Amino acid sequence: MTSGPSKKRSGKGPGGLAGRSKTVRVRTAKGRKISSTRWLQRQLNDPYVLEARKRGYRSRAAFKLLELDQKYHLIKPGMRVVDLGAAPGGWTQVLLAAVGKQGQVVALDIAEMDELPGATVLHLDFMDPSAPDRLKAALDGPCDWVVSDMAAPVTGHAPTDHLRIMGLVDAALEFAAEVLAPGGGFVAKVFQGGTETQLLARMKQMFRTVRHAKPPSSRADSSEIYVIATGFRAENPTD
């Protein structure tokens, strides 16, 4: 996979991540909550945020996909990919650079997302009943990958948050089963604690290989991990 908007690499970190710069300290301003001050300080001192700005990525999340691809060699030129939960477009930028002009990227998110040359962007809730058909209509045919960075708003109640994101993963997997070409792949964000046993068992029937990974750019205090399934079986025992 190519490095995206900017091919310049510096440092020795993941994806050519540059070394840390001097720490920026943020003072608590009147009317600003302490939690907001901490968030702002973390953003200003996050090397992935800084590197994303240098390379022209719309979000630091771009490095998560770059690192997953660097390890597992997922995306190749000419592939067709569906990007779910795409806004603001960091993963879409990485995918566009990877598939090249001969490939295709269809991106969807419930949030507004600026257009990206070369990508088809749909502003739509994936859980809307019309979403699968609209995505299929935008594709030129079966796709090679369905990738999902979707996440429901966090409530702070771990069991509830886990159920919500697993509901999204389940829906994304159902869609992937309808559009993937033989040998295709699926990537989705889940929370630590593991993919639900039933869903994981189904994925192992649908794909030759299923694994979990936490890319280095995923914050240490985040419970997110990614499930990566490769080698889609067009005819599987669940059909």
C-alpha atoms as a PDB file:
ATOM      1  CA  MET A   1       0.000   0.000   0.000  1.00  0.00           C
ATOM      2  CA  THR A   2       1.294   3.438  -0.798  1.00  0.00           C
ATOM      3  CA  SER A   3       1.752   5.976   1.931  1.00  0.00           C
ATOM      4  CA  GLY A   4      -1.054   8.261   0.816  1.00  0.00           C
ATOM      5  CA  PRO A   5      -1.160  11.960  -0.098  1.00  0.00           C
ATOM      6  CA  SER A   6       2.497  12.509   0.746  1.00  0.00           C
ATOM      7  CA  LYS A   7       5.140   9.868   0.034  1.00  0.00           C
ATOM      8  CA  LYS A   8       7.787  11.574   2.122  1.00  0.00           C
ATOM      9  CA  ARG A   9       8.810   9.467   5.101  1.00  0.00           C
ATOM     10  CA  SER A  10      10.781  10.482   8.154  1.00  0.00           C
ATOM     11  CA  GLY A  11      11.862   8.746  11.337  1.00  0.00           C
ATOM     12  CA  LYS A  12      11.650   5.024  12.073  1.00  0.00           C
ATOM     13  CA  GLY A  13       8.196   4.684  13.586  1.00  0.00           C
ATOM     14  CA  PRO A  14       5.175   2.906  12.067  1.00  0.00           C
ATOM     15  CA  GLY A  15       4.513   4.118   8.542  1.00  0.00           C
ATOM     16  CA  GLY A  16       7.552   6.402   8.711  1.00  0.00           C
ATOM     17  CA  LEU A  17       6.200   8.267  11.737  1.00  0.00           C
ATOM     18  CA  ALA A  18       8.391  11.184  12.727  1.00  0.00           C
ATOM     19  CA  GLY A  19       9.827  11.438  16.225  1.00  0.00           C
ATOM     20  CA  ARG A  20       8.122  13.418  18.963  1.00  0.00           C
ATOM     21  CA  SER A  21       8.490  17.164  19.028  1.00  0.00           C
ATOM     22  CA  LYS A  22       8.641  19.290  22.155  1.00  0.00           C
ATOM     23  CA  THR A  23       5.634  18.757  24.434  1.00  0.00           C
ATOM     24  CA  VAL A  24       2.939  21.420  24.178  1.00  0.00           C
ATOM     25  CA  ARG A  25       1.221  22.290  27.454  1.00  0.00           C
ATOM     26  CA  VAL A  26      -2.321  23.662  27.449  1.00  0.00           C
ATOM     27  CA  ARG A  27      -3.606  25.875  30.226  1.00  0.00           C
ATOM     28  CA  THR A  28      -7.169  25.504  31.446  1.00  0.00           C
ATOM     29  CA  ALA A  29      -9.117  28.444  30.032  1.00  0.00           C
ATOM     30  CA  LYS A  30     -12.132  30.021  31.663  1.00  0.00           C
ATOM     31  CA  GLY A  31     -15.236  28.050  30.797  1.00  0.00           C
ATOM     32  CA  ARG A  32     -13.292  25.054  29.502  1.00  0.00           C
ATOM     33  CA  LYS A  33     -13.649  21.769  31.362  1.00  0.00           C
ATOM     34  CA  ILE A  34     -10.538  20.019  32.640  1.00  0.00           C
ATOM     35  CA  SER A  35     -11.421  16.997  30.499  1.00  0.00           C
ATOM     36  CA  SER A  36     -11.518  19.234  27.408  1.00  0.00           C
ATOM     37  CA  THR A  37      -8.125  20.688  28.289  1.00  0.00           C
ATOM     38  CA  ARG A  38      -6.670  17.196  28.641  1.00  0.00           C
ATOM     39  CA  TRP A  39      -8.151  16.146  25.291  1.00  0.00           C
ATOM     40  CA  LEU A  40      -6.716  19.228  23.593  1.00  0.00           C
ATOM     41  CA  GLN A  41      -3.283  18.663  25.107  1.00  0.00           C
ATOM     42  CA  ARG A  42      -3.329  15.031  23.991  1.00  0.00           C
ATOM     43  CA  GLN A  43      -4.248  16.065  20.454  1.00  0.00           C
ATOM     44  CA  LEU A  44      -1.540  18.718  20.283  1.00  0.00           C
ATOM     45  CA  ASN A  45       1.085  16.255  21.495  1.00  0.00           C
ATOM     46  CA  ASP A  46      -0.069  13.160  19.607  1.00  0.00           C
ATOM     47  CA  PRO A  47       2.655  12.308  17.041  1.00  0.00           C
ATOM     48  CA  TYR A  48       0.087  10.643  14.779  1.00  0.00           C
ATOM     49  CA  VAL A  49      -2.063  13.787  14.733  1.00  0.00           C
ATOM     50  CA  LEU A  50       0.991  15.859  13.843  1.00  0.00           C
ATOM     51  CA  GLU A  51       2.131  13.420  11.160  1.00  0.00           C
ATOM     52  CA  ALA A  52      -1.378  13.222   9.678  1.00  0.00           C
ATOM     53  CA  ARG A  53      -1.320  16.992   9.214  1.00  0.00           C
ATOM     54  CA  LYS A  54       2.104  16.836   7.552  1.00  0.00           C
ATOM     55  CA  ARG A  55       1.002  14.156   5.104  1.00  0.00           C
ATOM     56  CA  GLY A  56      -2.372  15.695   4.375  1.00  0.00           C
ATOM     57  CA  TYR A  57      -4.479  12.951   5.934  1.00  0.00           C
ATOM     58  CA  ARG A  58      -7.877  13.985   7.222  1.00  0.00           C
ATOM     59  CA  SER A  59      -7.454  12.003  10.436  1.00  0.00           C
ATOM     60  CA  ARG A  60      -4.872  10.112  12.474  1.00  0.00           C
ATOM     61  CA  ALA A  61      -7.006   7.000  11.857  1.00  0.00           C
ATOM     62  CA  ALA A  62      -5.326   6.720   8.445  1.00  0.00           C
ATOM     63  CA  PHE A  63      -2.287   5.235  10.177  1.00  0.00           C
ATOM     64  CA  LYS A  64      -4.363   2.384  11.626  1.00  0.00           C
ATOM     65  CA  LEU A  65      -5.198   1.118   8.155  1.00  0.00           C
ATOM     66  CA  LEU A  66      -1.663   1.791   6.917  1.00  0.00           C
ATOM     67  CA  GLU A  67      -0.235  -0.279   9.766  1.00  0.00           C
ATOM     68  CA  LEU A  68      -2.701  -3.124   9.285  1.00  0.00           C
ATOM     69  CA  ASP A  69      -1.831  -3.233   5.595  1.00  0.00           C
ATOM     70  CA  GLN A  70       1.890  -3.029   6.319  1.00  0.00           C
ATOM     71  CA  LYS A  71       1.588  -6.153   8.475  1.00  0.00           C
ATOM     72  CA  TYR A  72      -0.955  -8.181   6.528  1.00  0.00           C
ATOM     73  CA  HIS A  73      -0.629  -6.864   2.929  1.00  0.00           C
ATOM     74  CA  LEU A  74      -4.351  -6.302   2.451  1.00  0.00           C
ATOM     75  CA  ILE A  75      -4.997  -3.847  -0.398  1.00  0.00           C
ATOM     76  CA  LYS A  76      -3.551  -4.041  -3.906  1.00  0.00           C
ATOM     77  CA  PRO A  77      -3.808  -1.870  -7.048  1.00  0.00           C
ATOM     78  CA  GLY A  78      -6.991  -2.316  -9.051  1.00  0.00           C
ATOM     79  CA  MET A  79      -9.105  -3.580  -6.148  1.00  0.00           C
ATOM     80  CA  ARG A  80     -12.673  -2.491  -5.406  1.00  0.00           C
ATOM     81  CA  VAL A  81     -13.238  -1.494  -1.769  1.00  0.00           C
ATOM     82  CA  VAL A  82     -16.224  -0.386   0.318  1.00  0.00           C
ATOM     83  CA  ASP A  83     -15.266   1.924   3.210  1.00  0.00           C
ATOM     84  CA  LEU A  84     -17.912   2.000   5.971  1.00  0.00           C
ATOM     85  CA  GLY A  85     -17.806   4.683   8.645  1.00  0.00           C
ATOM     86  CA  ALA A  86     -15.507   6.656   6.380  1.00  0.00           C
ATOM     87  CA  ALA A  87     -15.802  10.242   7.671  1.00  0.00           C
ATOM     88  CA  PRO A  88     -13.764  12.389   7.736  1.00  0.00           C
ATOM     89  CA  GLY A  89     -11.963  10.368   5.057  1.00  0.00           C
ATOM     90  CA  GLY A  90      -8.598   9.211   6.411  1.00  0.00           C
ATOM     91  CA  TRP A  91      -9.147   5.566   5.465  1.00  0.00           C
ATOM     92  CA  THR A  92     -10.617   6.603   2.122  1.00  0.00           C
ATOM     93  CA  GLN A  93      -7.450   8.558   1.307  1.00  0.00           C
ATOM     94  CA  VAL A  94      -5.281   5.542   2.110  1.00  0.00           C
ATOM     95  CA  LEU A  95      -7.491   3.250   0.019  1.00  0.00           C
ATOM     96  CA  LEU A  96      -7.501   5.581  -2.976  1.00  0.00           C
ATOM     97  CA  ALA A  97      -3.723   5.707  -2.971  1.00  0.00           C
ATOM     98  CA  ALA A  98      -3.549   1.917  -2.658  1.00  0.00           C
ATOM     99  CA  VAL A  99      -6.008   0.859  -5.373  1.00  0.00           C
ATOM    100  CA  GLY A 100      -4.904   3.497  -7.861  1.00  0.00           C
ATOM    101  CA  LYS A 101      -6.807   4.746 -10.883  1.00  0.00           C
ATOM    102  CA  GLN A 102      -7.793   1.251 -11.977  1.00  0.00           C
ATOM    103  CA  GLY A 103      -9.443   0.511  -8.623  1.00  0.00           C
ATOM    104  CA  GLN A 104     -12.614   1.773  -6.992  1.00  0.00           C
ATOM    105  CA  VAL A 105     -13.480   3.090  -3.531  1.00  0.00           C
ATOM    106  CA  VAL A 106     -17.049   3.614  -2.319  1.00  0.00           C
ATOM    107  CA  ALA A 107     -17.205   5.420   1.039  1.00  0.00           C
ATOM    108  CA  LEU A 108     -20.220   5.761   3.332  1.00  0.00           C
ATOM    109  CA  ASP A 109     -20.875   7.581   6.593  1.00  0.00           C
ATOM    110  CA  ILE A 110     -23.830   9.057   8.453  1.00  0.00           C
ATOM    111  CA  ALA A 111     -21.712  12.169   9.078  1.00  0.00           C
ATOM    112  CA  GLU A 112     -21.000  14.761   6.406  1.00  0.00           C
ATOM    113  CA  MET A 113     -17.785  14.107   4.497  1.00  0.00           C
ATOM    114  CA  ASP A 114     -16.131  16.278   1.877  1.00  0.00           C
ATOM    115  CA  GLU A 115     -15.708  14.704  -1.526  1.00  0.00           C
ATOM    116  CA  LEU A 116     -12.428  13.014  -2.424  1.00  0.00           C
ATOM    117  CA  PRO A 117     -11.399  12.828  -6.104  1.00  0.00           C
ATOM    118  CA  GLY A 118     -11.696   9.249  -7.281  1.00  0.00           C
ATOM    119  CA  ALA A 119     -14.051   8.055  -4.527  1.00  0.00           C
ATOM    120  CA  THR A 120     -17.827   7.709  -4.518  1.00  0.00           C
ATOM    121  CA  VAL A 121     -19.023   9.221  -1.219  1.00  0.00           C
ATOM    122  CA  LEU A 122     -22.477   8.414   0.176  1.00  0.00           C
ATOM    123  CA  HIS A 123     -23.880  10.418   3.104  1.00  0.00           C
ATOM    124  CA  LEU A 124     -26.123   7.799   4.667  1.00  0.00           C
ATOM    125  CA  ASP A 125     -26.697   5.792   7.836  1.00  0.00           C
ATOM    126  CA  PHE A 126     -25.445   2.268   7.142  1.00  0.00           C
ATOM    127  CA  MET A 127     -28.321   0.916   9.239  1.00  0.00           C
ATOM    128  CA  ASP A 128     -30.831   2.556   6.886  1.00  0.00           C
ATOM    129  CA  PRO A 129     -32.588  -0.259   4.979  1.00  0.00           C
ATOM    130  CA  SER A 130     -31.686   1.419   1.671  1.00  0.00           C
ATOM    131  CA  ALA A 131     -27.939   1.544   2.396  1.00  0.00           C
ATOM    132  CA  PRO A 132     -26.917  -1.915   1.053  1.00  0.00           C
ATOM    133  CA  ASP A 133     -28.705  -1.404  -2.262  1.00  0.00           C
ATOM    134  CA  ARG A 134     -27.256   2.081  -2.691  1.00  0.00           C
ATOM    135  CA  LEU A 135     -23.763   0.766  -2.034  1.00  0.00           C
ATOM    136  CA  LYS A 136     -24.267  -2.064  -4.522  1.00  0.00           C
ATOM    137  CA  ALA A 137     -25.534   0.398  -7.125  1.00  0.00           C
ATOM    138  CA  ALA A 138     -22.376   2.476  -6.676  1.00  0.00           C
ATOM    139  CA  LEU A 139     -20.068  -0.516  -7.203  1.00  0.00           C
ATOM    140  CA  ASP A 140     -18.966  -1.685 -10.641  1.00  0.00           C
ATOM    141  CA  GLY A 141     -19.417  -5.286  -9.528  1.00  0.00           C
ATOM    142  CA  PRO A 142     -18.342  -7.569  -6.664  1.00  0.00           C
ATOM    143  CA  CYS A 143     -15.763  -5.953  -4.388  1.00  0.00           C
ATOM    144  CA  ASP A 144     -12.487  -7.242  -2.978  1.00  0.00           C
ATOM    145  CA  TRP A 145     -12.695  -5.688   0.500  1.00  0.00           C
ATOM    146  CA  VAL A 146     -15.267  -4.320   2.896  1.00  0.00           C
ATOM    147  CA  VAL A 147     -13.550  -2.265   5.596  1.00  0.00           C
ATOM    148  CA  SER A 148     -15.379  -0.755   8.547  1.00  0.00           C
ATOM    149  CA  ASP A 149     -14.207   1.788  11.099  1.00  0.00           C
ATOM    150  CA  MET A 150     -17.805   2.323  12.242  1.00  0.00           C
ATOM    151  CA  ALA A 151     -18.489   2.887  15.938  1.00  0.00           C
ATOM    152  CA  ALA A 152     -21.641   3.854  17.786  1.00  0.00           C
ATOM    153  CA  PRO A 153     -21.458   6.834  20.203  1.00  0.00           C
ATOM    154  CA  VAL A 154     -19.761   5.680  23.406  1.00  0.00           C
ATOM    155  CA  THR A 155     -21.983   5.628  26.494  1.00  0.00           C
ATOM    156  CA  GLY A 156     -19.263   4.782  28.992  1.00  0.00           C
ATOM    157  CA  HIS A 157     -21.100   1.584  29.920  1.00  0.00           C
ATOM    158  CA  ALA A 158     -18.832  -1.148  28.551  1.00  0.00           C
ATOM    159  CA  PRO A 159     -21.474  -3.884  28.002  1.00  0.00           C
ATOM    160  CA  THR A 160     -23.767  -1.458  26.152  1.00  0.00           C
ATOM    161  CA  ASP A 161     -20.939  -0.086  24.017  1.00  0.00           C
ATOM    162  CA  HIS A 162     -19.833  -3.616  23.165  1.00  0.00           C
ATOM    163  CA  LEU A 163     -23.338  -4.637  22.073  1.00  0.00           C
ATOM    164  CA  ARG A 164     -23.723  -1.520  19.925  1.00  0.00           C
ATOM    165  CA  ILE A 165     -20.498  -1.948  18.032  1.00  0.00           C
ATOM    166  CA  MET A 166     -21.080  -5.681  17.608  1.00  0.00           C
ATOM    167  CA  GLY A 167     -24.442  -4.843  16.043  1.00  0.00           C
ATOM    168  CA  LEU A 168     -22.625  -2.698  13.477  1.00  0.00           C
ATOM    169  CA  VAL A 169     -20.036  -5.418  12.833  1.00  0.00           C
ATOM    170  CA  ASP A 170     -22.785  -7.992  12.332  1.00  0.00           C
ATOM    171  CA  ALA A 171     -24.575  -5.751   9.816  1.00  0.00           C
ATOM    172  CA  ALA A 172     -21.301  -5.015   7.989  1.00  0.00           C
ATOM    173  CA  LEU A 173     -20.528  -8.736   7.797  1.00  0.00           C
ATOM    174  CA  GLU A 174     -23.983  -9.470   6.368  1.00  0.00           C
ATOM    175  CA  PHE A 175     -23.338  -6.868   3.699  1.00  0.00           C
ATOM    176  CA  ALA A 176     -19.853  -8.222   2.985  1.00  0.00           C
ATOM    177  CA  ALA A 177     -21.328 -11.677   2.391  1.00  0.00           C
ATOM    178  CA  GLU A 178     -23.527 -10.170  -0.331  1.00  0.00           C
ATOM    179  CA  VAL A 179     -20.885  -8.177  -2.211  1.00  0.00           C
ATOM    180  CA  LEU A 180     -17.468  -9.821  -1.766  1.00  0.00           C
ATOM    181  CA  ALA A 181     -15.813 -11.649  -4.628  1.00  0.00           C
ATOM    182  CA  PRO A 182     -14.285 -15.082  -3.905  1.00  0.00           C
ATOM    183  CA  GLY A 183     -11.062 -14.585  -1.936  1.00  0.00           C
ATOM    184  CA  GLY A 184     -12.152 -11.149  -0.698  1.00  0.00           C
ATOM    185  CA  GLY A 185     -11.581  -9.729   2.766  1.00  0.00           C
ATOM    186  CA  PHE A 186     -13.262  -7.959   5.661  1.00  0.00           C
ATOM    187  CA  VAL A 187     -11.855  -5.584   8.306  1.00  0.00           C
ATOM    188  CA  ALA A 188     -13.929  -4.188  11.171  1.00  0.00           C
ATOM    189  CA  LYS A 189     -13.392  -2.353  14.427  1.00  0.00           C
ATOM    190  CA  VAL A 190     -14.496  -4.145  17.592  1.00  0.00           C
ATOM    191  CA  PHE A 191     -13.866  -3.612  21.302  1.00  0.00           C
ATOM    192  CA  GLN A 192     -11.460  -5.682  23.351  1.00  0.00           C
ATOM    193  CA  GLY A 193     -13.233  -8.505  25.042  1.00  0.00           C
ATOM    194  CA  GLY A 194     -13.360 -10.323  21.732  1.00  0.00           C
ATOM    195  CA  THR A 195     -15.750 -10.750  18.879  1.00  0.00           C
ATOM    196  CA  GLU A 196     -18.965 -12.443  19.997  1.00  0.00           C
ATOM    197  CA  THR A 197     -18.496 -16.233  19.865  1.00  0.00           C
ATOM    198  CA  GLN A 198     -21.382 -16.805  17.454  1.00  0.00           C
ATOM    199  CA  LEU A 199     -20.258 -14.065  15.077  1.00  0.00           C
ATOM    200  CA  LEU A 200     -16.641 -15.195  15.191  1.00  0.00           C
ATOM    201  CA  ALA A 201     -17.672 -18.772  14.423  1.00  0.00           C
ATOM    202  CA  ARG A 202     -19.658 -17.555  11.432  1.00  0.00           C
ATOM    203  CA  MET A 203     -16.697 -15.522  10.179  1.00  0.00           C
ATOM    204  CA  LYS A 204     -14.469 -18.589  10.395  1.00  0.00           C
ATOM    205  CA  GLN A 205     -16.959 -20.437   8.203  1.00  0.00           C
ATOM    206  CA  MET A 206     -17.068 -17.584   5.701  1.00  0.00           C
ATOM    207  CA  PHE A 207     -13.311 -16.870   5.511  1.00  0.00           C
ATOM    208  CA  ARG A 208     -10.173 -18.991   5.407  1.00  0.00           C
ATOM    209  CA  THR A 209      -8.333 -16.854   7.993  1.00  0.00           C
ATOM    210  CA  VAL A 210      -9.677 -14.704  10.845  1.00  0.00           C
ATOM    211  CA  ARG A 211      -7.403 -12.787  13.230  1.00  0.00           C
ATOM    212  CA  HIS A 212      -7.452  -9.841  15.643  1.00  0.00           C
ATOM    213  CA  ALA A 213      -4.922  -6.975  15.696  1.00  0.00           C
ATOM    214  CA  LYS A 214      -4.358  -3.694  17.508  1.00  0.00           C
ATOM    215  CA  PRO A 215      -2.291  -1.356  15.308  1.00  0.00           C
ATOM    216  CA  PRO A 216       0.404   0.723  17.058  1.00  0.00           C
ATOM    217  CA  SER A 217      -1.428   3.962  16.242  1.00  0.00           C
ATOM    218  CA  SER A 218      -4.491   2.817  18.201  1.00  0.00           C
ATOM    219  CA  ARG A 219      -4.190   4.641  21.513  1.00  0.00           C
ATOM    220  CA  ALA A 220      -3.072   2.458  24.414  1.00  0.00           C
ATOM    221  CA  ASP A 221      -6.031   3.547  26.546  1.00  0.00           C
ATOM    222  CA  SER A 222      -8.510   2.650  23.792  1.00  0.00           C
ATOM    223  CA  SER A 223     -10.282  -0.716  23.938  1.00  0.00           C
ATOM    224  CA  GLU A 224     -10.594  -0.872  20.146  1.00  0.00           C
ATOM    225  CA  ILE A 225      -9.056  -3.694  18.143  1.00  0.00           C
ATOM    226  CA  TYR A 226      -9.662  -4.844  14.584  1.00  0.00           C
ATOM    227  CA  VAL A 227     -10.860  -8.174  13.248  1.00  0.00           C
ATOM    228  CA  ILE A 228      -9.304  -9.093   9.898  1.00  0.00           C
ATOM    229  CA  ALA A 229     -10.826 -11.859   7.782  1.00  0.00           C
ATOM    230  CA  THR A 230      -9.270 -12.980   4.504  1.00  0.00           C
ATOM    231  CA  GLY A 231     -10.060 -15.560   1.842  1.00  0.00           C
ATOM    232  CA  PHE A 232     -13.827 -15.195   1.473  1.00  0.00           C
ATOM    233  CA  ARG A 233     -15.585 -18.423   0.552  1.00  0.00           C
ATOM    234  CA  ALA A 234     -18.269 -17.501  -1.992  1.00  0.00           C
ATOM    235  CA  GLU A 235     -20.221 -20.605  -1.018  1.00  0.00           C
ATOM    236  CA  ASN A 236     -20.117 -21.113   2.745  1.00  0.00           C
ATOM    237  CA  PRO A 237     -22.004 -23.377   5.153  1.00  0.00           C
ATOM    238  CA  THR A 238     -24.159 -20.509   6.445  1.00  0.00           C
ATOM    239  CA  ASP A 239     -25.885 -20.004   3.066  1.00  0.00           C
END
